[in-house]
C-alpha atoms as a PDB file:
ATOM      1  CA  UNK A   1    -147.272 -95.290 -61.368  1.00  0.00           C
ATOM      2  CA  UNK A   2    -146.367 -95.346 -65.062  1.00  0.00           C
ATOM      3  CA  UNK A   3    -148.569 -97.571 -67.191  1.00  0.00           C
ATOM      4  CA  UNK A   4    -147.102 -99.271 -70.212  1.00  0.00           C
ATOM      5  CA  UNK A   5    -148.534 -99.296 -73.697  1.00  0.00           C
ATOM      6  CA  UNK A   6    -148.557-102.945 -74.772  1.00  0.00           C
ATOM      7  CA  UNK A   7    -148.449-104.004 -78.397  1.00  0.00           C
ATOM      8  CA  UNK A   8    -147.373-107.172 -80.214  1.00  0.00           C
ATOM      9  CA  UNK A   9    -144.021-107.368 -81.967  1.00  0.00           C
ATOM     10  CA  UNK A  10    -143.488-110.021 -84.627  1.00  0.00           C
ATOM     11  CA  UNK A  11    -140.124-111.755 -84.353  1.00  0.00           C
ATOM     12  CA  UNK A  12    -138.091-112.730 -87.403  1.00  0.00           C
ATOM     13  CA  UNK A  13    -139.588-116.242 -87.362  1.00  0.00           C
ATOM     14  CA  UNK A  14    -143.165-114.966 -87.018  1.00  0.00           C
ATOM     15  CA  UNK A  15    -143.551-115.540 -83.276  1.00  0.00           C
ATOM     16  CA  UNK A  16    -145.618-112.963 -81.402  1.00  0.00           C
ATOM     17  CA  UNK A  17    -143.691-111.121 -78.684  1.00  0.00           C
ATOM     18  CA  UNK A  18    -145.509-108.864 -76.211  1.00  0.00           C
ATOM     19  CA  UNK A  19    -143.764-105.488 -76.172  1.00  0.00           C
ATOM     20  CA  UNK A  20    -144.211-102.837 -73.456  1.00  0.00           C
ATOM     21  CA  UNK A  21    -143.419 -99.130 -73.794  1.00  0.00           C
ATOM     22  CA  UNK A  22    -143.171 -96.593 -70.989  1.00  0.00           C
ATOM     23  CA  UNK A  23    -142.574 -93.243 -72.711  1.00  0.00           C
ATOM     24  CA  UNK A  24    -140.649 -90.467 -70.978  1.00  0.00           C
ATOM     25  CA  UNK A  25    -141.757 -86.877 -71.244  1.00  0.00           C
ATOM     26  CA  UNK A  26    -138.949 -84.968 -72.978  1.00  0.00           C
ATOM     27  CA  UNK A  27    -136.971 -82.863 -70.537  1.00  0.00           C
ATOM     28  CA  UNK A  28    -133.304 -81.964 -70.304  1.00  0.00           C
ATOM     29  CA  UNK A  29    -133.514 -79.399 -73.098  1.00  0.00           C
ATOM     30  CA  UNK A  30    -136.411 -81.096 -74.863  1.00  0.00           C
ATOM     31  CA  UNK A  31    -134.729 -84.446 -75.418  1.00  0.00           C
ATOM     32  CA  UNK A  32    -135.018 -87.966 -74.093  1.00  0.00           C
ATOM     33  CA  UNK A  33    -131.702 -88.970 -72.498  1.00  0.00           C
ATOM     34  CA  UNK A  34    -131.827 -92.518 -73.819  1.00  0.00           C
ATOM     35  CA  UNK A  35    -133.856 -95.685 -74.157  1.00  0.00           C
ATOM     36  CA  UNK A  36    -133.618 -98.500 -71.621  1.00  0.00           C
ATOM     37  CA  UNK A  37    -134.521-101.952 -72.958  1.00  0.00           C
ATOM     38  CA  UNK A  38    -135.572-104.271 -70.105  1.00  0.00           C
ATOM     39  CA  UNK A  39    -134.937-108.022 -70.246  1.00  0.00           C
ATOM     40  CA  UNK A  40    -136.774-109.860 -67.462  1.00  0.00           C
ATOM     41  CA  UNK A  41    -135.907-112.989 -65.517  1.00  0.00           C
ATOM     42  CA  UNK A  42    -136.969-116.633 -65.531  1.00  0.00           C
ATOM     43  CA  UNK A  43    -140.684-117.251 -65.075  1.00  0.00           C
ATOM     44  CA  UNK A  44    -141.713-113.594 -64.853  1.00  0.00           C
ATOM     45  CA  UNK A  45    -142.693-110.918 -67.382  1.00  0.00           C
ATOM     46  CA  UNK A  46    -141.997-107.297 -68.288  1.00  0.00           C
ATOM     47  CA  UNK A  47    -145.211-106.075 -66.662  1.00  0.00           C
ATOM     48  CA  UNK A  48    -143.552-106.481 -63.249  1.00  0.00           C
ATOM     49  CA  UNK A  49    -141.244-103.530 -64.011  1.00  0.00           C
ATOM     50  CA  UNK A  50    -143.756-100.654 -63.848  1.00  0.00           C
ATOM     51  CA  UNK A  51    -142.165 -99.119 -60.748  1.00  0.00           C
ATOM     52  CA  UNK A  52    -138.634 -99.234 -62.152  1.00  0.00           C
ATOM     53  CA  UNK A  53    -139.846 -97.843 -65.482  1.00  0.00           C
ATOM     54  CA  UNK A  54    -141.507 -94.966 -63.631  1.00  0.00           C
ATOM     55  CA  UNK A  55    -138.203 -94.056 -61.985  1.00  0.00           C
ATOM     56  CA  UNK A  56    -136.361 -94.222 -65.296  1.00  0.00           C
ATOM     57  CA  UNK A  57    -139.049 -92.084 -66.955  1.00  0.00           C
ATOM     58  CA  UNK A  58    -138.656 -89.518 -64.182  1.00  0.00           C
ATOM     59  CA  UNK A  59    -134.937 -89.391 -64.896  1.00  0.00           C
ATOM     60  CA  UNK A  60    -135.558 -88.715 -68.595  1.00  0.00           C
ATOM     61  CA  UNK A  61    -135.299 -92.207 -70.098  1.00  0.00           C
ATOM     62  CA  UNK A  62    -137.884 -93.933 -72.242  1.00  0.00           C
ATOM     63  CA  UNK A  63    -138.281 -97.599 -71.387  1.00  0.00           C
ATOM     64  CA  UNK A  64    -139.141-100.629 -73.470  1.00  0.00           C
ATOM     65  CA  UNK A  65    -139.585-104.169 -72.201  1.00  0.00           C
ATOM     66  CA  UNK A  66    -140.809-107.405 -73.676  1.00  0.00           C
ATOM     67  CA  UNK A  67    -141.939-110.826 -72.551  1.00  0.00           C
ATOM     68  CA  UNK A  68    -139.285-113.334 -73.534  1.00  0.00           C
ATOM     69  CA  UNK A  69    -140.308-116.381 -75.551  1.00  0.00           C
ATOM     70  CA  UNK A  70    -142.263-118.816 -73.386  1.00  0.00           C
ATOM     71  CA  UNK A  71    -143.058-116.102 -70.832  1.00  0.00           C
ATOM     72  CA  UNK A  72    -145.903-113.703 -70.075  1.00  0.00           C
ATOM     73  CA  UNK A  73    -148.089-112.898 -73.070  1.00  0.00           C
ATOM     74  CA  UNK A  74    -145.531-113.919 -75.700  1.00  0.00           C
ATOM     75  CA  UNK A  75    -145.748-117.041 -77.826  1.00  0.00           C
ATOM     76  CA  UNK A  76    -144.206-120.343 -76.821  1.00  0.00           C
ATOM     77  CA  UNK A  77    -144.925-123.090 -74.299  1.00  0.00           C
ATOM     78  CA  UNK A  78    -144.017-121.880 -70.826  1.00  0.00           C
ATOM     79  CA  UNK A  79    -140.347-122.269 -69.945  1.00  0.00           C
ATOM     80  CA  UNK A  80    -139.247-123.839 -73.229  1.00  0.00           C
ATOM     81  CA  UNK A  81    -136.931-122.984 -76.118  1.00  0.00           C
ATOM     82  CA  UNK A  82    -137.273-124.239 -79.703  1.00  0.00           C
ATOM     83  CA  UNK A  83    -133.506-123.821 -80.148  1.00  0.00           C
ATOM     84  CA  UNK A  84    -130.584-122.581 -78.068  1.00  0.00           C
ATOM     85  CA  UNK A  85    -130.322-119.104 -79.611  1.00  0.00           C
ATOM     86  CA  UNK A  86    -133.997-118.229 -79.366  1.00  0.00           C
ATOM     87  CA  UNK A  87    -133.686-115.694 -76.529  1.00  0.00           C
ATOM     88  CA  UNK A  88    -130.535-114.165 -78.028  1.00  0.00           C
ATOM     89  CA  UNK A  89    -132.157-113.782 -81.443  1.00  0.00           C
ATOM     90  CA  UNK A  90    -135.252-112.155 -79.966  1.00  0.00           C
ATOM     91  CA  UNK A  91    -133.174-109.624 -78.032  1.00  0.00           C
ATOM     92  CA  UNK A  92    -131.127-108.804 -81.133  1.00  0.00           C
ATOM     93  CA  UNK A  93    -134.370-108.286 -83.077  1.00  0.00           C
ATOM     94  CA  UNK A  94    -135.785-105.999 -80.364  1.00  0.00           C
ATOM     95  CA  UNK A  95    -132.560-103.991 -80.300  1.00  0.00           C
ATOM     96  CA  UNK A  96    -132.807-103.443 -84.048  1.00  0.00           C
ATOM     97  CA  UNK A  97    -136.484-102.512 -83.766  1.00  0.00           C
ATOM     98  CA  UNK A  98    -135.752-100.047 -80.968  1.00  0.00           C
ATOM     99  CA  UNK A  99    -132.733 -98.522 -82.719  1.00  0.00           C
ATOM    100  CA  UNK A 100    -134.862 -97.895 -85.814  1.00  0.00           C
ATOM    101  CA  UNK A 101    -137.374 -95.923 -83.749  1.00  0.00           C
ATOM    102  CA  UNK A 102    -134.845 -94.053 -81.588  1.00  0.00           C
ATOM    103  CA  UNK A 103    -131.885 -93.691 -83.916  1.00  0.00           C
ATOM    104  CA  UNK A 104    -130.226 -90.789 -82.094  1.00  0.00           C
ATOM    105  CA  UNK A 105    -130.784 -91.911 -78.503  1.00  0.00           C
ATOM    106  CA  UNK A 106    -128.327 -94.036 -76.512  1.00  0.00           C
ATOM    107  CA  UNK A 107    -129.600 -97.586 -75.959  1.00  0.00           C
ATOM    108  CA  UNK A 108    -129.008 -99.192 -72.578  1.00  0.00           C
ATOM    109  CA  UNK A 109    -129.882-102.826 -71.879  1.00  0.00           C
ATOM    110  CA  UNK A 110    -131.097-103.628 -68.372  1.00  0.00           C
ATOM    111  CA  UNK A 111    -131.252-107.351 -67.693  1.00  0.00           C
ATOM    112  CA  UNK A 112    -132.350-109.091 -64.524  1.00  0.00           C
ATOM    113  CA  UNK A 113    -131.337-112.666 -63.619  1.00  0.00           C
ATOM    114  CA  UNK A 114    -131.930-114.759 -66.773  1.00  0.00           C
ATOM    115  CA  UNK A 115    -132.411-111.478 -68.646  1.00  0.00           C
ATOM    116  CA  UNK A 116    -129.010-110.290 -67.469  1.00  0.00           C
ATOM    117  CA  UNK A 117    -127.453-113.509 -68.707  1.00  0.00           C
ATOM    118  CA  UNK A 118    -129.143-113.164 -72.114  1.00  0.00           C
ATOM    119  CA  UNK A 119    -128.101-109.511 -72.461  1.00  0.00           C
ATOM    120  CA  UNK A 120    -124.519-110.152 -71.360  1.00  0.00           C
ATOM    121  CA  UNK A 121    -124.058-113.148 -73.634  1.00  0.00           C
ATOM    122  CA  UNK A 122    -125.376-111.213 -76.642  1.00  0.00           C
ATOM    123  CA  UNK A 123    -123.060-108.273 -75.918  1.00  0.00           C
ATOM    124  CA  UNK A 124    -120.138-110.639 -75.381  1.00  0.00           C
ATOM    125  CA  UNK A 125    -120.704-111.686 -78.994  1.00  0.00           C
ATOM    126  CA  UNK A 126    -121.717-108.289 -80.432  1.00  0.00           C
ATOM    127  CA  UNK A 127    -120.629-105.468 -78.096  1.00  0.00           C
ATOM    128  CA  UNK A 128    -121.653-102.677 -80.455  1.00  0.00           C
ATOM    129  CA  UNK A 129    -125.345-103.545 -80.218  1.00  0.00           C
ATOM    130  CA  UNK A 130    -125.815-101.380 -77.105  1.00  0.00           C
ATOM    131  CA  UNK A 131    -124.271 -98.266 -75.591  1.00  0.00           C
ATOM    132  CA  UNK A 132    -124.521 -99.499 -72.022  1.00  0.00           C
ATOM    133  CA  UNK A 133    -125.566-102.447 -69.890  1.00  0.00           C
ATOM    134  CA  UNK A 134    -127.110-102.698 -66.424  1.00  0.00           C
ATOM    135  CA  UNK A 135    -127.058-106.130 -64.799  1.00  0.00           C
ATOM    136  CA  UNK A 136    -129.332-106.953 -61.870  1.00  0.00           C
ATOM    137  CA  UNK A 137    -128.438-110.216 -60.088  1.00  0.00           C
ATOM    138  CA  UNK A 138    -127.409-111.854 -63.389  1.00  0.00           C
ATOM    139  CA  UNK A 139    -127.599-115.641 -63.588  1.00  0.00           C
ATOM    140  CA  UNK A 140    -123.892-116.074 -64.335  1.00  0.00           C
ATOM    141  CA  UNK A 141    -123.722-119.064 -61.975  1.00  0.00           C
ATOM    142  CA  UNK A 142    -126.902-121.114 -61.635  1.00  0.00           C
ATOM    143  CA  UNK A 143    -125.289-123.260 -58.963  1.00  0.00           C
ATOM    144  CA  UNK A 144    -125.983-126.563 -60.707  1.00  0.00           C
ATOM    145  CA  UNK A 145    -124.282-129.683 -59.401  1.00  0.00           C
ATOM    146  CA  UNK A 146    -123.111-132.860 -61.132  1.00  0.00           C
ATOM    147  CA  UNK A 147    -126.417-134.680 -60.601  1.00  0.00           C
ATOM    148  CA  UNK A 148    -128.461-131.798 -62.004  1.00  0.00           C
ATOM    149  CA  UNK A 149    -126.260-131.519 -65.085  1.00  0.00           C
ATOM    150  CA  UNK A 150    -126.493-135.280 -65.636  1.00  0.00           C
ATOM    151  CA  UNK A 151    -130.297-135.086 -65.458  1.00  0.00           C
ATOM    152  CA  UNK A 152    -130.343-132.193 -67.930  1.00  0.00           C
ATOM    153  CA  UNK A 153    -128.137-134.168 -70.334  1.00  0.00           C
ATOM    154  CA  UNK A 154    -130.474-137.163 -70.082  1.00  0.00           C
ATOM    155  CA  UNK A 155    -133.601-135.077 -70.641  1.00  0.00           C
ATOM    156  CA  UNK A 156    -131.999-133.352 -73.631  1.00  0.00           C
ATOM    157  CA  UNK A 157    -131.851-136.744 -75.316  1.00  0.00           C
ATOM    158  CA  UNK A 158    -135.250-138.009 -74.197  1.00  0.00           C
ATOM    159  CA  UNK A 159    -137.530-134.989 -73.752  1.00  0.00           C
ATOM    160  CA  UNK A 160    -135.812-131.627 -74.375  1.00  0.00           C
ATOM    161  CA  UNK A 161    -139.117-129.714 -74.358  1.00  0.00           C
ATOM    162  CA  UNK A 162    -140.614-131.303 -71.243  1.00  0.00           C
ATOM    163  CA  UNK A 163    -141.047-128.428 -68.787  1.00  0.00           C
ATOM    164  CA  UNK A 164    -140.812-129.162 -65.070  1.00  0.00           C
ATOM    165  CA  UNK A 165    -140.826-126.953 -61.969  1.00  0.00           C
ATOM    166  CA  UNK A 166    -137.814-124.647 -61.779  1.00  0.00           C
ATOM    167  CA  UNK A 167    -137.816-124.873 -57.988  1.00  0.00           C
ATOM    168  CA  UNK A 168    -137.786-121.104 -57.514  1.00  0.00           C
ATOM    169  CA  UNK A 169    -138.908-120.090 -54.021  1.00  0.00           C
ATOM    170  CA  UNK A 170    -140.827-116.778 -54.246  1.00  0.00           C
ATOM    171  CA  UNK A 171    -139.890-115.990 -50.639  1.00  0.00           C
ATOM    172  CA  UNK A 172    -136.268-115.659 -51.801  1.00  0.00           C
ATOM    173  CA  UNK A 173    -137.094-112.844 -54.239  1.00  0.00           C
ATOM    174  CA  UNK A 174    -137.406-110.000 -51.738  1.00  0.00           C
ATOM    175  CA  UNK A 175    -137.724-109.174 -48.046  1.00  0.00           C
ATOM    176  CA  UNK A 176    -140.847-107.169 -48.983  1.00  0.00           C
ATOM    177  CA  UNK A 177    -143.933-109.344 -48.253  1.00  0.00           C
ATOM    178  CA  UNK A 178    -146.015-107.365 -50.760  1.00  0.00           C
ATOM    179  CA  UNK A 179    -143.590-108.204 -53.574  1.00  0.00           C
ATOM    180  CA  UNK A 180    -143.657-111.903 -52.692  1.00  0.00           C
ATOM    181  CA  UNK A 181    -147.461-111.974 -52.419  1.00  0.00           C
ATOM    182  CA  UNK A 182    -147.916-110.185 -55.750  1.00  0.00           C
ATOM    183  CA  UNK A 183    -145.550-112.639 -57.431  1.00  0.00           C
ATOM    184  CA  UNK A 184    -147.434-115.643 -56.046  1.00  0.00           C
ATOM    185  CA  UNK A 185    -150.767-114.238 -57.223  1.00  0.00           C
ATOM    186  CA  UNK A 186    -149.623-113.070 -60.675  1.00  0.00           C
ATOM    187  CA  UNK A 187    -151.330-115.203 -63.352  1.00  0.00           C
ATOM    188  CA  UNK A 188    -148.628-114.305 -65.885  1.00  0.00           C
ATOM    189  CA  UNK A 189    -145.846-115.783 -63.732  1.00  0.00           C
ATOM    190  CA  UNK A 190    -144.917-119.456 -64.194  1.00  0.00           C
ATOM    191  CA  UNK A 191    -142.490-121.934 -62.627  1.00  0.00           C
ATOM    192  CA  UNK A 192    -141.615-123.999 -65.709  1.00  0.00           C
ATOM    193  CA  UNK A 193    -138.222-124.832 -67.220  1.00  0.00           C
ATOM    194  CA  UNK A 194    -137.218-127.323 -69.901  1.00  0.00           C
ATOM    195  CA  UNK A 195    -133.926-129.148 -70.287  1.00  0.00           C
ATOM    196  CA  UNK A 196    -133.042-127.019 -73.309  1.00  0.00           C
ATOM    197  CA  UNK A 197    -133.588-123.787 -71.389  1.00  0.00           C
ATOM    198  CA  UNK A 198    -131.653-125.148 -68.399  1.00  0.00           C
ATOM    199  CA  UNK A 199    -128.742-126.047 -70.662  1.00  0.00           C
ATOM    200  CA  UNK A 200    -128.793-122.573 -72.206  1.00  0.00           C
ATOM    201  CA  UNK A 201    -128.514-121.023 -68.747  1.00  0.00           C
ATOM    202  CA  UNK A 202    -125.771-123.388 -67.609  1.00  0.00           C
ATOM    203  CA  UNK A 203    -123.753-122.988 -70.826  1.00  0.00           C
ATOM    204  CA  UNK A 204    -124.089-119.208 -71.122  1.00  0.00           C
ATOM    205  CA  UNK A 205    -122.512-118.348 -67.771  1.00  0.00           C
ATOM    206  CA  UNK A 206    -119.052-119.658 -68.745  1.00  0.00           C
ATOM    207  CA  UNK A 207    -119.323-117.919 -72.129  1.00  0.00           C
ATOM    208  CA  UNK A 208    -119.858-114.565 -70.412  1.00  0.00           C
ATOM    209  CA  UNK A 209    -117.109-115.257 -67.880  1.00  0.00           C
ATOM    210  CA  UNK A 210    -114.660-116.063 -70.687  1.00  0.00           C
ATOM    211  CA  UNK A 211    -115.430-112.697 -72.302  1.00  0.00           C
ATOM    212  CA  UNK A 212    -115.025-110.667 -69.093  1.00  0.00           C
ATOM    213  CA  UNK A 213    -111.336-109.813 -69.483  1.00  0.00           C
ATOM    214  CA  UNK A 214    -112.007-108.245 -72.881  1.00  0.00           C
ATOM    215  CA  UNK A 215    -115.339-106.627 -71.983  1.00  0.00           C
ATOM    216  CA  UNK A 216    -116.080-103.632 -74.204  1.00  0.00           C
ATOM    217  CA  UNK A 217    -119.456-102.274 -73.017  1.00  0.00           C
ATOM    218  CA  UNK A 218    -119.891 -99.751 -70.171  1.00  0.00           C
ATOM    219  CA  UNK A 219    -121.615-101.853 -67.516  1.00  0.00           C
ATOM    220  CA  UNK A 220    -123.195-101.376 -64.100  1.00  0.00           C
ATOM    221  CA  UNK A 221    -123.400-104.618 -62.113  1.00  0.00           C
ATOM    222  CA  UNK A 222    -125.824-104.665 -59.164  1.00  0.00           C
ATOM    223  CA  UNK A 223    -126.080-107.929 -57.278  1.00  0.00           C
ATOM    224  CA  UNK A 224    -127.386-109.298 -54.010  1.00  0.00           C
ATOM    225  CA  UNK A 225    -125.062-110.708 -51.397  1.00  0.00           C
ATOM    226  CA  UNK A 226    -127.848-112.800 -49.826  1.00  0.00           C
ATOM    227  CA  UNK A 227    -129.092-114.184 -53.153  1.00  0.00           C
ATOM    228  CA  UNK A 228    -130.441-117.739 -52.852  1.00  0.00           C
ATOM    229  CA  UNK A 229    -131.678-118.056 -56.445  1.00  0.00           C
ATOM    230  CA  UNK A 230    -128.403-117.503 -58.298  1.00  0.00           C
ATOM    231  CA  UNK A 231    -124.908-117.789 -56.859  1.00  0.00           C
ATOM    232  CA  UNK A 232    -123.557-114.241 -56.336  1.00  0.00           C
ATOM    233  CA  UNK A 233    -120.041-115.561 -56.817  1.00  0.00           C
ATOM    234  CA  UNK A 234    -120.763-115.631 -60.556  1.00  0.00           C
ATOM    235  CA  UNK A 235    -121.241-111.863 -60.620  1.00  0.00           C
ATOM    236  CA  UNK A 236    -118.252-111.433 -58.327  1.00  0.00           C
ATOM    237  CA  UNK A 237    -115.965-113.426 -60.642  1.00  0.00           C
ATOM    238  CA  UNK A 238    -117.147-111.445 -63.658  1.00  0.00           C
ATOM    239  CA  UNK A 239    -116.459-108.129 -61.925  1.00  0.00           C
ATOM    240  CA  UNK A 240    -113.001-109.258 -60.810  1.00  0.00           C
ATOM    241  CA  UNK A 241    -112.013-110.263 -64.352  1.00  0.00           C
ATOM    242  CA  UNK A 242    -113.536-107.312 -66.247  1.00  0.00           C
ATOM    243  CA  UNK A 243    -111.800-103.971 -66.947  1.00  0.00           C
ATOM    244  CA  UNK A 244    -112.584-101.706 -63.948  1.00  0.00           C
ATOM    245  CA  UNK A 245    -112.840 -98.661 -66.192  1.00  0.00           C
ATOM    246  CA  UNK A 246    -115.812-100.258 -67.938  1.00  0.00           C
ATOM    247  CA  UNK A 247    -117.494-102.423 -65.293  1.00  0.00           C
ATOM    248  CA  UNK A 248    -118.684-100.834 -62.052  1.00  0.00           C
ATOM    249  CA  UNK A 249    -119.930-103.391 -59.522  1.00  0.00           C
ATOM    250  CA  UNK A 250    -121.949-103.013 -56.325  1.00  0.00           C
ATOM    251  CA  UNK A 251    -122.763-105.890 -53.977  1.00  0.00           C
ATOM    252  CA  UNK A 252    -125.728-105.300 -51.656  1.00  0.00           C
ATOM    253  CA  UNK A 253    -124.968-107.685 -48.841  1.00  0.00           C
ATOM    254  CA  UNK A 254    -128.310-108.117 -47.036  1.00  0.00           C
ATOM    255  CA  UNK A 255    -130.521-108.027 -50.139  1.00  0.00           C
ATOM    256  CA  UNK A 256    -132.299-110.903 -51.854  1.00  0.00           C
ATOM    257  CA  UNK A 257    -132.451-111.617 -55.590  1.00  0.00           C
ATOM    258  CA  UNK A 258    -134.704-108.800 -56.863  1.00  0.00           C
ATOM    259  CA  UNK A 259    -132.634-105.810 -55.799  1.00  0.00           C
ATOM    260  CA  UNK A 260    -135.006-103.301 -57.434  1.00  0.00           C
ATOM    261  CA  UNK A 261    -137.940-104.786 -55.480  1.00  0.00           C
ATOM    262  CA  UNK A 262    -136.262-104.956 -52.091  1.00  0.00           C
ATOM    263  CA  UNK A 263    -137.146-103.111 -48.887  1.00  0.00           C
ATOM    264  CA  UNK A 264    -133.887-101.147 -49.243  1.00  0.00           C
ATOM    265  CA  UNK A 265    -134.326-100.557 -52.970  1.00  0.00           C
ATOM    266  CA  UNK A 266    -133.482 -96.852 -52.706  1.00  0.00           C
ATOM    267  CA  UNK A 267    -129.794 -97.628 -52.249  1.00  0.00           C
ATOM    268  CA  UNK A 268    -129.895 -99.675 -55.457  1.00  0.00           C
ATOM    269  CA  UNK A 269    -131.759 -96.975 -57.359  1.00  0.00           C
ATOM    270  CA  UNK A 270    -129.231 -94.407 -56.140  1.00  0.00           C
ATOM    271  CA  UNK A 271    -126.341 -96.345 -57.699  1.00  0.00           C
ATOM    272  CA  UNK A 272    -128.311 -96.777 -60.918  1.00  0.00           C
ATOM    273  CA  UNK A 273    -129.050 -93.077 -61.161  1.00  0.00           C
ATOM    274  CA  UNK A 274    -125.461 -92.078 -60.382  1.00  0.00           C
ATOM    275  CA  UNK A 275    -124.159 -94.366 -63.115  1.00  0.00           C
ATOM    276  CA  UNK A 276    -126.702 -93.169 -65.684  1.00  0.00           C
ATOM    277  CA  UNK A 277    -125.971 -89.531 -64.840  1.00  0.00           C
ATOM    278  CA  UNK A 278    -122.241 -90.120 -65.319  1.00  0.00           C
ATOM    279  CA  UNK A 279    -122.499 -92.163 -68.503  1.00  0.00           C
ATOM    280  CA  UNK A 280    -125.580 -90.660 -70.194  1.00  0.00           C
ATOM    281  CA  UNK A 281    -125.989 -87.063 -68.940  1.00  0.00           C
END
């Protein structure tokens, strides 16, 4: 399995962000086909993507990932945000950093769950930042009800940085028991979320949905039909509203949330490779 080189990256405000690099061996005429920038989900970290990075390396893509603020080995109290644009600003910084190092290579964002929401919202605002986007079970609809939104609004006034359990059930990540066990035992995984982070998630979904009809970035959308952690109807609505020439969507009906870590992951990887081969030969 590919092993990442981990080094700190200093964000524009001085925060330390853990950055992971999985370098591809040049092939395809002595060139790297592109760079994939991974954006992980809520509570996890980029180190969980070794297996996916290995596949991408094998296909000729270099891979970079990073631990989002308040996650993994990056700075910040677990599950919190100092301000609403924190995750967006960090991704924009990492895109600039990566572009500077790989100026001639296509840059593809690959965001899972919360990471997919962050990547999609940033590209809704600035579509030229990336050449392509892959979305894995994006958190376009967190499934919050009236009572949950009322509680978030109250906590935003009283204790916006108070982090509570996010309620995520690890058993709903994958049908693969080894994946679930590894997640439960991972010391870099947490289950925290603050009111400010919850509001960011809840507010960003509608922003992305509103941009769908005018979407301008080639996008592959891979989502799980049996997802119990985000509502798959959010991804479905986005795909229905977006230009079909730019957004290719695949729903994997029996799969749980982490499609790349599922027992039938090969069908997901096949769609990813087909799309990359067509868009970035």
